[in-house]
Amino acid sequence: MCPLLSIKPETEIAVVEMGANHPGEIDFLCRIADPDFGLITNIGKAHLEGFGSFEGVIKTKTELYRHIKVHGKAVFVNQGNPLLWELSGGQTRISYGRHCAADTPVAPAACNPYLSVGWEKHLIQTHLVGSYNFENVAAAIGVGQYFKVDDDKIVEALENYTSTNSRLQVIETEKNQILMDAYNANPTSMRAALINFANIRREQHLLILGDMRELGSASEEEHRNILALMKELGFKEAFLVGQNFCAYNDNPNWKTFAKVEDLCQYIESHPIEGKHILVKGSRGIQLEKVLPLL
C-alpha cells in the first residue's frame, strides 16, 4: 500500500522523502504528494549518470522549490548554504543554520567523533558522526521550532537518535572501531567522509572504500579526485574495491580488489586488529560483507 494513501484526515503532519536519479522525477512526486512545505538538505554530485551533469542535479532537486512557489507555502533553507540560498530566492523561506540572521540560528560546537551543536540555551550532544551532519541537525531544529515542537522534545529526539542500516554507524568489535557508512556513496559524500575521518583524533586509520556508482562519463575524474584527496589527507593504509579504484589507483601502499569477495578472502588470511576503520562505498559494492571479519 502506498504510504501516502495511509494518511488519515486527522493527520497533522506527514513527512515525505522524495528521491530521484533522473530529471523530472521530483516534479512528478510533487504532483502526487502536493506538499505544502519543502526542504532540500543539500545538493551533491549524486546519480550523475542519470542526471547528465551536476547542473542536471540542481535542476531536478529544485523542482521541489518551484512546486512550492506555485502551490505551497514556504521552503526551509539553510541560510549558510550559498547555493541553496541563491536557488530559493524569490519565494517564502524559513531559514536555519549557522548564519546569525537565520530564523533558527544553530552553531556547531564539537565533533570528535560525535557532533554536538549549540542552539539557544541548549548544548545538544548527538550520536551522529561527522561535521557534515550539522546541516541535518540544524534542519531538524528549524522545522521543529517552526511547527512549535517543545524545545525539550527537540533536544531529546536529537540526542536519542542513533543511525542504522550502514548509515554512519559506529561499531565497536573485539578487534577494531568501525565507522560504517556503506549505504551509498557519491563524490560529495565521499569527500566529506574522508575529511571528517582525517580530523578524528585516532591512531591506525584504515580506509575501506568502494567504487562510486552511477557517475557516467564523470566516473574517472571523480575517482581520481578522491584518490588525490586521500593522498592530500595523508592516509597511509587503504583497501579499495571496484573496477574504477583498481584502474586509477597508483599508490603501491593502497591495496585494490576487483570485488568485495576478494577483499574478504584477503582479510581472512591477513586479520585486521587495532584499527580505526572507515567503510564507505556505493550500495552495489556490498561492503557490509566485510563487517563479520573486522
C-alpha atoms as a PDB file:
ATOM      1  CA  MET A   1       0.000   0.000   0.000  1.00  0.00           C
ATOM      2  CA  CYS A   2       1.258   3.471  -0.878  1.00  0.00           C
ATOM      3  CA  PRO A   3       2.226   5.318   2.343  1.00  0.00           C
ATOM      4  CA  LEU A   4       0.505   8.465   1.072  1.00  0.00           C
ATOM      5  CA  LEU A   5      -2.798   6.606   0.908  1.00  0.00           C
ATOM      6  CA  SER A   6      -2.462   5.629   4.566  1.00  0.00           C
ATOM      7  CA  ILE A   7      -2.507   9.279   5.694  1.00  0.00           C
ATOM      8  CA  LYS A   8      -5.727   9.820   7.626  1.00  0.00           C
ATOM      9  CA  PRO A   9      -7.801  13.037   7.798  1.00  0.00           C
ATOM     10  CA  GLU A  10      -6.701  13.620  11.411  1.00  0.00           C
ATOM     11  CA  THR A  11      -3.002  13.502  10.467  1.00  0.00           C
ATOM     12  CA  GLU A  12      -1.472  16.901  11.192  1.00  0.00           C
ATOM     13  CA  ILE A  13       1.906  16.491   9.501  1.00  0.00           C
ATOM     14  CA  ALA A  14       3.251  13.883   7.082  1.00  0.00           C
ATOM     15  CA  VAL A  15       6.940  13.864   6.168  1.00  0.00           C
ATOM     16  CA  VAL A  16       7.511  12.589   2.621  1.00  0.00           C
ATOM     17  CA  GLU A  17      11.028  11.816   1.393  1.00  0.00           C
ATOM     18  CA  MET A  18      11.480  12.317  -2.342  1.00  0.00           C
ATOM     19  CA  GLY A  19      14.348  10.621  -4.132  1.00  0.00           C
ATOM     20  CA  ALA A  20      15.336  10.853  -7.767  1.00  0.00           C
ATOM     21  CA  ASN A  21      18.031   9.792 -10.208  1.00  0.00           C
ATOM     22  CA  HIS A  22      16.597  11.270 -13.413  1.00  0.00           C
ATOM     23  CA  PRO A  23      15.261  14.723 -14.415  1.00  0.00           C
ATOM     24  CA  GLY A  24      11.568  15.337 -13.814  1.00  0.00           C
ATOM     25  CA  GLU A  25      11.161  12.765 -11.047  1.00  0.00           C
ATOM     26  CA  ILE A  26      10.885  15.301  -8.207  1.00  0.00           C
ATOM     27  CA  ASP A  27       8.283  17.251 -10.179  1.00  0.00           C
ATOM     28  CA  PHE A  28       6.339  14.011 -10.718  1.00  0.00           C
ATOM     29  CA  LEU A  29       6.465  13.186  -6.998  1.00  0.00           C
ATOM     30  CA  CYS A  30       5.390  16.728  -6.090  1.00  0.00           C
ATOM     31  CA  ARG A  31       2.309  16.384  -8.273  1.00  0.00           C
ATOM     32  CA  ILE A  32       1.435  13.210  -6.371  1.00  0.00           C
ATOM     33  CA  ALA A  33       2.201  14.363  -2.820  1.00  0.00           C
ATOM     34  CA  ASP A  34       1.308  18.057  -3.344  1.00  0.00           C
ATOM     35  CA  PRO A  35       3.464  19.273  -0.420  1.00  0.00           C
ATOM     36  CA  ASP A  36       2.765  22.496   1.464  1.00  0.00           C
ATOM     37  CA  PHE A  37       6.378  22.902   2.618  1.00  0.00           C
ATOM     38  CA  GLY A  38       9.685  21.787   1.142  1.00  0.00           C
ATOM     39  CA  LEU A  39      13.245  21.221   2.343  1.00  0.00           C
ATOM     40  CA  ILE A  40      16.356  20.347   0.338  1.00  0.00           C
ATOM     41  CA  THR A  41      19.109  19.307   2.751  1.00  0.00           C
ATOM     42  CA  ASN A  42      21.920  19.665   0.197  1.00  0.00           C
ATOM     43  CA  ILE A  43      22.791  19.266  -3.464  1.00  0.00           C
ATOM     44  CA  GLY A  44      25.723  16.980  -4.238  1.00  0.00           C
ATOM     45  CA  LYS A  45      27.234  15.052  -7.115  1.00  0.00           C
ATOM     46  CA  ALA A  46      24.962  12.025  -6.926  1.00  0.00           C
ATOM     47  CA  HIS A  47      23.488   9.943  -9.802  1.00  0.00           C
ATOM     48  CA  LEU A  48      25.378  11.986 -12.401  1.00  0.00           C
ATOM     49  CA  GLU A  49      24.830   9.239 -14.969  1.00  0.00           C
ATOM     50  CA  GLY A  50      21.058   9.670 -14.744  1.00  0.00           C
ATOM     51  CA  PHE A  51      21.043  13.443 -14.368  1.00  0.00           C
ATOM     52  CA  GLY A  52      23.652  14.045 -17.069  1.00  0.00           C
ATOM     53  CA  SER A  53      25.612  16.617 -15.084  1.00  0.00           C
ATOM     54  CA  PHE A  54      25.755  18.453 -11.762  1.00  0.00           C
ATOM     55  CA  GLU A  55      23.591  21.135 -13.374  1.00  0.00           C
ATOM     56  CA  GLY A  56      21.038  18.378 -14.022  1.00  0.00           C
ATOM     57  CA  VAL A  57      21.080  17.504 -10.313  1.00  0.00           C
ATOM     58  CA  ILE A  58      20.428  21.138  -9.427  1.00  0.00           C
ATOM     59  CA  LYS A  59      17.590  21.484 -11.925  1.00  0.00           C
ATOM     60  CA  THR A  60      15.905  18.302 -10.718  1.00  0.00           C
ATOM     61  CA  LYS A  61      16.212  18.918  -6.981  1.00  0.00           C
ATOM     62  CA  THR A  62      14.904  22.465  -7.288  1.00  0.00           C
ATOM     63  CA  GLU A  63      11.747  21.146  -8.917  1.00  0.00           C
ATOM     64  CA  LEU A  64      10.601  20.968  -5.276  1.00  0.00           C
ATOM     65  CA  TYR A  65      11.264  24.698  -4.794  1.00  0.00           C
ATOM     66  CA  ARG A  66       9.373  25.553  -7.958  1.00  0.00           C
ATOM     67  CA  HIS A  67       6.355  23.451  -6.994  1.00  0.00           C
ATOM     68  CA  ILE A  68       6.202  25.021  -3.526  1.00  0.00           C
ATOM     69  CA  LYS A  69       6.489  28.501  -5.005  1.00  0.00           C
ATOM     70  CA  VAL A  70       3.403  27.947  -7.159  1.00  0.00           C
ATOM     71  CA  HIS A  71       1.328  25.602  -4.995  1.00  0.00           C
ATOM     72  CA  GLY A  72       2.660  25.615  -1.444  1.00  0.00           C
ATOM     73  CA  LYS A  73       3.521  27.826   1.466  1.00  0.00           C
ATOM     74  CA  ALA A  74       7.232  28.024   2.167  1.00  0.00           C
ATOM     75  CA  VAL A  75      10.584  26.256   1.909  1.00  0.00           C
ATOM     76  CA  PHE A  76      13.030  25.596   4.737  1.00  0.00           C
ATOM     77  CA  VAL A  77      16.514  26.705   3.681  1.00  0.00           C
ATOM     78  CA  ASN A  78      19.933  26.554   5.285  1.00  0.00           C
ATOM     79  CA  GLN A  79      20.973  30.202   5.179  1.00  0.00           C
ATOM     80  CA  GLY A  80      24.593  29.114   5.488  1.00  0.00           C
ATOM     81  CA  ASN A  81      24.457  27.215   2.191  1.00  0.00           C
ATOM     82  CA  PRO A  82      25.109  29.801  -0.563  1.00  0.00           C
ATOM     83  CA  LEU A  83      23.837  27.578  -3.381  1.00  0.00           C
ATOM     84  CA  LEU A  84      20.526  26.721  -1.707  1.00  0.00           C
ATOM     85  CA  TRP A  85      20.059  30.303  -0.561  1.00  0.00           C
ATOM     86  CA  GLU A  86      20.526  31.550  -4.126  1.00  0.00           C
ATOM     87  CA  LEU A  87      18.296  28.893  -5.670  1.00  0.00           C
ATOM     88  CA  SER A  88      15.446  29.573  -3.233  1.00  0.00           C
ATOM     89  CA  GLY A  89      15.427  33.323  -3.828  1.00  0.00           C
ATOM     90  CA  GLY A  90      12.134  34.987  -4.666  1.00  0.00           C
ATOM     91  CA  GLN A  91       9.915  32.743  -2.554  1.00  0.00           C
ATOM     92  CA  THR A  92       8.818  32.471   1.049  1.00  0.00           C
ATOM     93  CA  ARG A  93      11.635  30.994   3.123  1.00  0.00           C
ATOM     94  CA  ILE A  94      12.075  29.783   6.690  1.00  0.00           C
ATOM     95  CA  SER A  95      15.790  29.900   7.395  1.00  0.00           C
ATOM     96  CA  TYR A  96      18.026  27.925   9.742  1.00  0.00           C
ATOM     97  CA  GLY A  97      21.733  27.325  10.171  1.00  0.00           C
ATOM     98  CA  ARG A  98      24.863  28.967  11.484  1.00  0.00           C
ATOM     99  CA  HIS A  99      24.059  32.324   9.892  1.00  0.00           C
ATOM    100  CA  CYS A 100      23.290  34.762  12.713  1.00  0.00           C
ATOM    101  CA  ALA A 101      20.370  36.265  10.772  1.00  0.00           C
ATOM    102  CA  ALA A 102      18.620  32.905  10.327  1.00  0.00           C
ATOM    103  CA  ASP A 103      15.162  32.389  11.795  1.00  0.00           C
ATOM    104  CA  THR A 104      16.671  29.481  13.755  1.00  0.00           C
ATOM    105  CA  PRO A 105      20.378  30.110  14.391  1.00  0.00           C
ATOM    106  CA  VAL A 106      22.317  26.936  15.247  1.00  0.00           C
ATOM    107  CA  ALA A 107      26.068  26.622  15.784  1.00  0.00           C
ATOM    108  CA  PRO A 108      28.353  23.569  15.621  1.00  0.00           C
ATOM    109  CA  ALA A 109      30.146  23.030  18.934  1.00  0.00           C
ATOM    110  CA  ALA A 110      32.397  19.973  18.564  1.00  0.00           C
ATOM    111  CA  CYS A 111      32.830  16.747  16.604  1.00  0.00           C
ATOM    112  CA  ASN A 112      35.260  14.111  17.834  1.00  0.00           C
ATOM    113  CA  PRO A 113      33.784  11.859  16.723  1.00  0.00           C
ATOM    114  CA  TYR A 114      30.190  12.721  17.699  1.00  0.00           C
ATOM    115  CA  LEU A 115      28.620  16.001  16.639  1.00  0.00           C
ATOM    116  CA  SER A 116      27.362  18.461  19.232  1.00  0.00           C
ATOM    117  CA  VAL A 117      25.581  21.736  18.433  1.00  0.00           C
ATOM    118  CA  GLY A 118      24.541  24.842  20.276  1.00  0.00           C
ATOM    119  CA  TRP A 119      21.009  26.164  19.950  1.00  0.00           C
ATOM    120  CA  GLU A 120      19.643  28.933  22.156  1.00  0.00           C
ATOM    121  CA  LYS A 121      20.396  27.785  25.735  1.00  0.00           C
ATOM    122  CA  HIS A 122      20.918  24.147  24.741  1.00  0.00           C
ATOM    123  CA  LEU A 123      24.075  22.167  24.027  1.00  0.00           C
ATOM    124  CA  ILE A 124      22.852  19.139  22.090  1.00  0.00           C
ATOM    125  CA  GLN A 125      25.076  16.045  22.103  1.00  0.00           C
ATOM    126  CA  THR A 126      24.132  13.756  19.227  1.00  0.00           C
ATOM    127  CA  HIS A 127      25.156  10.220  18.306  1.00  0.00           C
ATOM    128  CA  LEU A 128      25.909  11.341  14.752  1.00  0.00           C
ATOM    129  CA  VAL A 129      29.457  11.113  13.433  1.00  0.00           C
ATOM    130  CA  GLY A 130      30.732  13.769  11.060  1.00  0.00           C
ATOM    131  CA  SER A 131      30.624  17.550  10.996  1.00  0.00           C
ATOM    132  CA  TYR A 132      28.690  17.299   7.715  1.00  0.00           C
ATOM    133  CA  ASN A 133      25.691  16.138   9.777  1.00  0.00           C
ATOM    134  CA  PHE A 134      25.429  19.654  11.178  1.00  0.00           C
ATOM    135  CA  GLU A 135      23.151  20.691   8.303  1.00  0.00           C
ATOM    136  CA  ASN A 136      20.791  17.778   9.030  1.00  0.00           C
ATOM    137  CA  VAL A 137      20.620  18.569  12.751  1.00  0.00           C
ATOM    138  CA  ALA A 138      20.087  22.268  12.091  1.00  0.00           C
ATOM    139  CA  ALA A 139      17.288  21.430   9.651  1.00  0.00           C
ATOM    140  CA  ALA A 140      15.565  19.237  12.234  1.00  0.00           C
ATOM    141  CA  ILE A 141      15.738  22.027  14.802  1.00  0.00           C
ATOM    142  CA  GLY A 142      14.471  24.626  12.330  1.00  0.00           C
ATOM    143  CA  VAL A 143      11.488  22.527  11.246  1.00  0.00           C
ATOM    144  CA  GLY A 144      10.649  21.531  14.819  1.00  0.00           C
ATOM    145  CA  GLN A 145      10.785  25.091  16.067  1.00  0.00           C
ATOM    146  CA  TYR A 146       8.619  26.377  13.206  1.00  0.00           C
ATOM    147  CA  PHE A 147       5.901  23.829  13.978  1.00  0.00           C
ATOM    148  CA  LYS A 148       6.106  24.687  17.690  1.00  0.00           C
ATOM    149  CA  VAL A 149       7.516  21.399  18.925  1.00  0.00           C
ATOM    150  CA  ASP A 150       8.553  21.786  22.566  1.00  0.00           C
ATOM    151  CA  ASP A 151      12.262  22.669  22.848  1.00  0.00           C
ATOM    152  CA  ASP A 152      12.967  19.848  25.275  1.00  0.00           C
ATOM    153  CA  LYS A 153      11.376  17.323  22.911  1.00  0.00           C
ATOM    154  CA  ILE A 154      13.547  18.565  20.042  1.00  0.00           C
ATOM    155  CA  VAL A 155      16.669  18.156  22.170  1.00  0.00           C
ATOM    156  CA  GLU A 156      15.586  14.733  23.419  1.00  0.00           C
ATOM    157  CA  ALA A 157      14.838  13.455  19.919  1.00  0.00           C
ATOM    158  CA  LEU A 158      18.209  14.563  18.558  1.00  0.00           C
ATOM    159  CA  GLU A 159      20.186  13.203  21.488  1.00  0.00           C
ATOM    160  CA  ASN A 160      18.420   9.829  21.414  1.00  0.00           C
ATOM    161  CA  TYR A 161      18.647   9.242  17.665  1.00  0.00           C
ATOM    162  CA  THR A 162      21.128   6.587  16.524  1.00  0.00           C
ATOM    163  CA  SER A 163      21.772   5.752  12.886  1.00  0.00           C
ATOM    164  CA  THR A 164      21.164   2.263  11.492  1.00  0.00           C
ATOM    165  CA  ASN A 165      21.368   0.338   8.239  1.00  0.00           C
ATOM    166  CA  SER A 166      25.033   1.155   7.482  1.00  0.00           C
ATOM    167  CA  ARG A 167      24.396   4.893   7.637  1.00  0.00           C
ATOM    168  CA  LEU A 168      27.175   6.406   9.760  1.00  0.00           C
ATOM    169  CA  GLN A 169      27.113   3.648  12.354  1.00  0.00           C
ATOM    170  CA  VAL A 170      29.888   3.493  14.921  1.00  0.00           C
ATOM    171  CA  ILE A 171      30.575  -0.180  15.562  1.00  0.00           C
ATOM    172  CA  GLU A 172      32.941  -1.461  18.248  1.00  0.00           C
ATOM    173  CA  THR A 173      34.155  -5.017  17.710  1.00  0.00           C
ATOM    174  CA  GLU A 174      36.597  -7.037  19.764  1.00  0.00           C
ATOM    175  CA  LYS A 175      39.325  -6.064  17.324  1.00  0.00           C
ATOM    176  CA  ASN A 176      38.538  -2.662  15.787  1.00  0.00           C
ATOM    177  CA  GLN A 177      36.448   0.507  15.858  1.00  0.00           C
ATOM    178  CA  ILE A 178      34.472   0.917  12.642  1.00  0.00           C
ATOM    179  CA  LEU A 179      32.692   3.881  11.109  1.00  0.00           C
ATOM    180  CA  MET A 180      30.227   2.114   8.826  1.00  0.00           C
ATOM    181  CA  ASP A 181      28.884   4.390   6.096  1.00  0.00           C
ATOM    182  CA  ALA A 182      28.347   1.983   3.221  1.00  0.00           C
ATOM    183  CA  TYR A 183      24.687   2.583   2.458  1.00  0.00           C
ATOM    184  CA  ASN A 184      25.682   4.692  -0.525  1.00  0.00           C
ATOM    185  CA  ALA A 185      28.397   6.980  -1.851  1.00  0.00           C
ATOM    186  CA  ASN A 186      28.903   9.818  -4.297  1.00  0.00           C
ATOM    187  CA  PRO A 187      31.791  12.279  -4.775  1.00  0.00           C
ATOM    188  CA  THR A 188      30.310  14.849  -2.389  1.00  0.00           C
ATOM    189  CA  SER A 189      29.580  12.432   0.457  1.00  0.00           C
ATOM    190  CA  MET A 190      32.852  10.540  -0.054  1.00  0.00           C
ATOM    191  CA  ARG A 191      34.866  13.739   0.148  1.00  0.00           C
ATOM    192  CA  ALA A 192      33.044  14.846   3.310  1.00  0.00           C
ATOM    193  CA  ALA A 193      33.527  11.430   4.937  1.00  0.00           C
ATOM    194  CA  LEU A 194      37.267  11.392   4.209  1.00  0.00           C
ATOM    195  CA  ILE A 195      37.844  14.905   5.542  1.00  0.00           C
ATOM    196  CA  ASN A 196      35.866  14.143   8.677  1.00  0.00           C
ATOM    197  CA  PHE A 197      37.686  10.826   9.211  1.00  0.00           C
ATOM    198  CA  ALA A 198      41.054  12.541   8.845  1.00  0.00           C
ATOM    199  CA  ASN A 199      40.063  15.041  11.526  1.00  0.00           C
ATOM    200  CA  ILE A 200      39.113  12.383  14.077  1.00  0.00           C
ATOM    201  CA  ARG A 201      41.996  12.052  16.504  1.00  0.00           C
ATOM    202  CA  ARG A 202      42.780   8.347  16.353  1.00  0.00           C
ATOM    203  CA  GLU A 203      45.804   6.180  15.651  1.00  0.00           C
ATOM    204  CA  GLN A 204      45.957   3.474  12.993  1.00  0.00           C
ATOM    205  CA  HIS A 205      43.474   4.829  10.445  1.00  0.00           C
ATOM    206  CA  LEU A 206      42.385   2.377   7.740  1.00  0.00           C
ATOM    207  CA  LEU A 207      40.165   3.155   4.755  1.00  0.00           C
ATOM    208  CA  ILE A 208      37.964   0.515   3.146  1.00  0.00           C
ATOM    209  CA  LEU A 209      36.375   2.258   0.175  1.00  0.00           C
ATOM    210  CA  GLY A 210      34.207   1.004  -2.662  1.00  0.00           C
ATOM    211  CA  ASP A 211      33.596   2.461  -6.089  1.00  0.00           C
ATOM    212  CA  MET A 212      31.084   5.270  -6.512  1.00  0.00           C
ATOM    213  CA  ARG A 213      28.408   4.103  -8.942  1.00  0.00           C
ATOM    214  CA  GLU A 214      26.144   5.960 -11.413  1.00  0.00           C
ATOM    215  CA  LEU A 215      28.663   8.663 -12.320  1.00  0.00           C
ATOM    216  CA  GLY A 216      28.639   8.080 -16.079  1.00  0.00           C
ATOM    217  CA  SER A 217      31.300   9.963 -18.026  1.00  0.00           C
ATOM    218  CA  ALA A 218      32.440  11.734 -14.833  1.00  0.00           C
ATOM    219  CA  SER A 219      33.469   8.454 -13.180  1.00  0.00           C
ATOM    220  CA  GLU A 220      37.200   8.547 -13.978  1.00  0.00           C
ATOM    221  CA  GLU A 221      37.624  12.179 -12.972  1.00  0.00           C
ATOM    222  CA  GLU A 222      35.701  11.792  -9.719  1.00  0.00           C
ATOM    223  CA  HIS A 223      37.548   8.623  -8.662  1.00  0.00           C
ATOM    224  CA  ARG A 224      40.883  10.267  -9.452  1.00  0.00           C
ATOM    225  CA  ASN A 225      39.805  13.275  -7.366  1.00  0.00           C
ATOM    226  CA  ILE A 226      39.057  11.023  -4.389  1.00  0.00           C
ATOM    227  CA  LEU A 227      42.425   9.268  -4.725  1.00  0.00           C
ATOM    228  CA  ALA A 228      44.148  12.661  -4.828  1.00  0.00           C
ATOM    229  CA  LEU A 229      42.260  13.758  -1.718  1.00  0.00           C
ATOM    230  CA  MET A 230      43.294  10.579   0.113  1.00  0.00           C
ATOM    231  CA  LYS A 231      46.906  11.382  -0.701  1.00  0.00           C
ATOM    232  CA  GLU A 232      46.473  15.026   0.349  1.00  0.00           C
ATOM    233  CA  LEU A 233      44.970  13.980   3.689  1.00  0.00           C
ATOM    234  CA  GLY A 234      47.870  11.632   4.340  1.00  0.00           C
ATOM    235  CA  PHE A 235      46.118   8.284   4.568  1.00  0.00           C
ATOM    236  CA  LYS A 236      48.779   5.586   4.598  1.00  0.00           C
ATOM    237  CA  GLU A 237      46.640   2.443   4.515  1.00  0.00           C
ATOM    238  CA  ALA A 238      43.633   1.753   2.307  1.00  0.00           C
ATOM    239  CA  PHE A 239      41.721  -1.164   0.787  1.00  0.00           C
ATOM    240  CA  LEU A 240      39.950  -0.107  -2.415  1.00  0.00           C
ATOM    241  CA  VAL A 241      37.202  -2.194  -4.013  1.00  0.00           C
ATOM    242  CA  GLY A 242      35.829  -1.920  -7.547  1.00  0.00           C
ATOM    243  CA  GLN A 243      36.946  -1.557 -11.137  1.00  0.00           C
ATOM    244  CA  ASN A 244      37.385   2.220 -11.008  1.00  0.00           C
ATOM    245  CA  PHE A 245      39.630   2.307  -7.963  1.00  0.00           C
ATOM    246  CA  CYS A 246      41.546  -0.668  -9.418  1.00  0.00           C
ATOM    247  CA  ALA A 247      42.070   1.201 -12.684  1.00  0.00           C
ATOM    248  CA  TYR A 248      43.137   4.580 -11.321  1.00  0.00           C
ATOM    249  CA  ASN A 249      44.982   3.872  -8.060  1.00  0.00           C
ATOM    250  CA  ASP A 250      48.729   4.492  -8.429  1.00  0.00           C
ATOM    251  CA  ASN A 251      49.711   4.286  -4.762  1.00  0.00           C
ATOM    252  CA  PRO A 252      51.506   0.981  -4.068  1.00  0.00           C
ATOM    253  CA  ASN A 253      50.602   1.186  -0.364  1.00  0.00           C
ATOM    254  CA  TRP A 254      46.867   1.091  -1.110  1.00  0.00           C
ATOM    255  CA  LYS A 255      45.619  -2.392  -1.977  1.00  0.00           C
ATOM    256  CA  THR A 256      42.952  -2.853  -4.643  1.00  0.00           C
ATOM    257  CA  PHE A 257      40.361  -5.607  -5.076  1.00  0.00           C
ATOM    258  CA  ALA A 258      38.050  -6.188  -8.035  1.00  0.00           C
ATOM    259  CA  LYS A 259      35.144  -7.193  -5.808  1.00  0.00           C
ATOM    260  CA  VAL A 260      34.311  -7.379  -2.112  1.00  0.00           C
ATOM    261  CA  GLU A 261      34.663 -11.162  -2.024  1.00  0.00           C
ATOM    262  CA  ASP A 262      38.340 -10.765  -2.955  1.00  0.00           C
ATOM    263  CA  LEU A 263      38.807  -8.345  -0.066  1.00  0.00           C
ATOM    264  CA  CYS A 264      37.091 -10.752   2.316  1.00  0.00           C
ATOM    265  CA  GLN A 265      39.462 -13.542   1.294  1.00  0.00           C
ATOM    266  CA  TYR A 266      42.428 -11.253   1.881  1.00  0.00           C
ATOM    267  CA  ILE A 267      41.240 -10.230   5.362  1.00  0.00           C
ATOM    268  CA  GLU A 268      40.644 -13.860   6.306  1.00  0.00           C
ATOM    269  CA  SER A 269      44.329 -14.581   5.723  1.00  0.00           C
ATOM    270  CA  HIS A 270      45.528 -11.172   6.981  1.00  0.00           C
ATOM    271  CA  PRO A 271      43.456 -10.368  10.108  1.00  0.00           C
ATOM    272  CA  ILE A 272      42.927  -6.698  10.975  1.00  0.00           C
ATOM    273  CA  GLU A 273      43.286  -5.595  14.601  1.00  0.00           C
ATOM    274  CA  GLY A 274      43.656  -2.331  16.486  1.00  0.00           C
ATOM    275  CA  LYS A 275      42.432  -0.177  13.628  1.00  0.00           C
ATOM    276  CA  HIS A 276      40.062   2.772  13.351  1.00  0.00           C
ATOM    277  CA  ILE A 277      38.281   1.968  10.075  1.00  0.00           C
ATOM    278  CA  LEU A 278      36.108   3.977   7.690  1.00  0.00           C
ATOM    279  CA  VAL A 279      33.961   1.741   5.466  1.00  0.00           C
ATOM    280  CA  LYS A 280      32.273   3.656   2.645  1.00  0.00           C
ATOM    281  CA  GLY A 281      31.120   2.842  -0.873  1.00  0.00           C
ATOM    282  CA  SER A 282      28.127   2.620  -3.169  1.00  0.00           C
ATOM    283  CA  ARG A 283      25.440   0.155  -2.159  1.00  0.00           C
ATOM    284  CA  GLY A 284      26.165  -2.084  -5.130  1.00  0.00           C
ATOM    285  CA  ILE A 285      29.685  -2.838  -3.869  1.00  0.00           C
ATOM    286  CA  GLN A 286      28.187  -4.555  -0.776  1.00  0.00           C
ATOM    287  CA  LEU A 287      30.936  -3.558   1.638  1.00  0.00           C
ATOM    288  CA  GLU A 288      28.790  -4.717   4.550  1.00  0.00           C
ATOM    289  CA  LYS A 289      30.105  -8.203   3.753  1.00  0.00           C
ATOM    290  CA  VAL A 290      33.449  -7.320   5.347  1.00  0.00           C
ATOM    291  CA  LEU A 291      31.923  -6.479   8.744  1.00  0.00           C
ATOM    292  CA  PRO A 292      31.988 -10.016  10.212  1.00  0.00           C
ATOM    293  CA  LEU A 293      35.727 -10.112   9.501  1.00  0.00           C
ATOM    294  CA  LEU A 294      36.532  -6.868  11.289  1.00  0.00           C
END
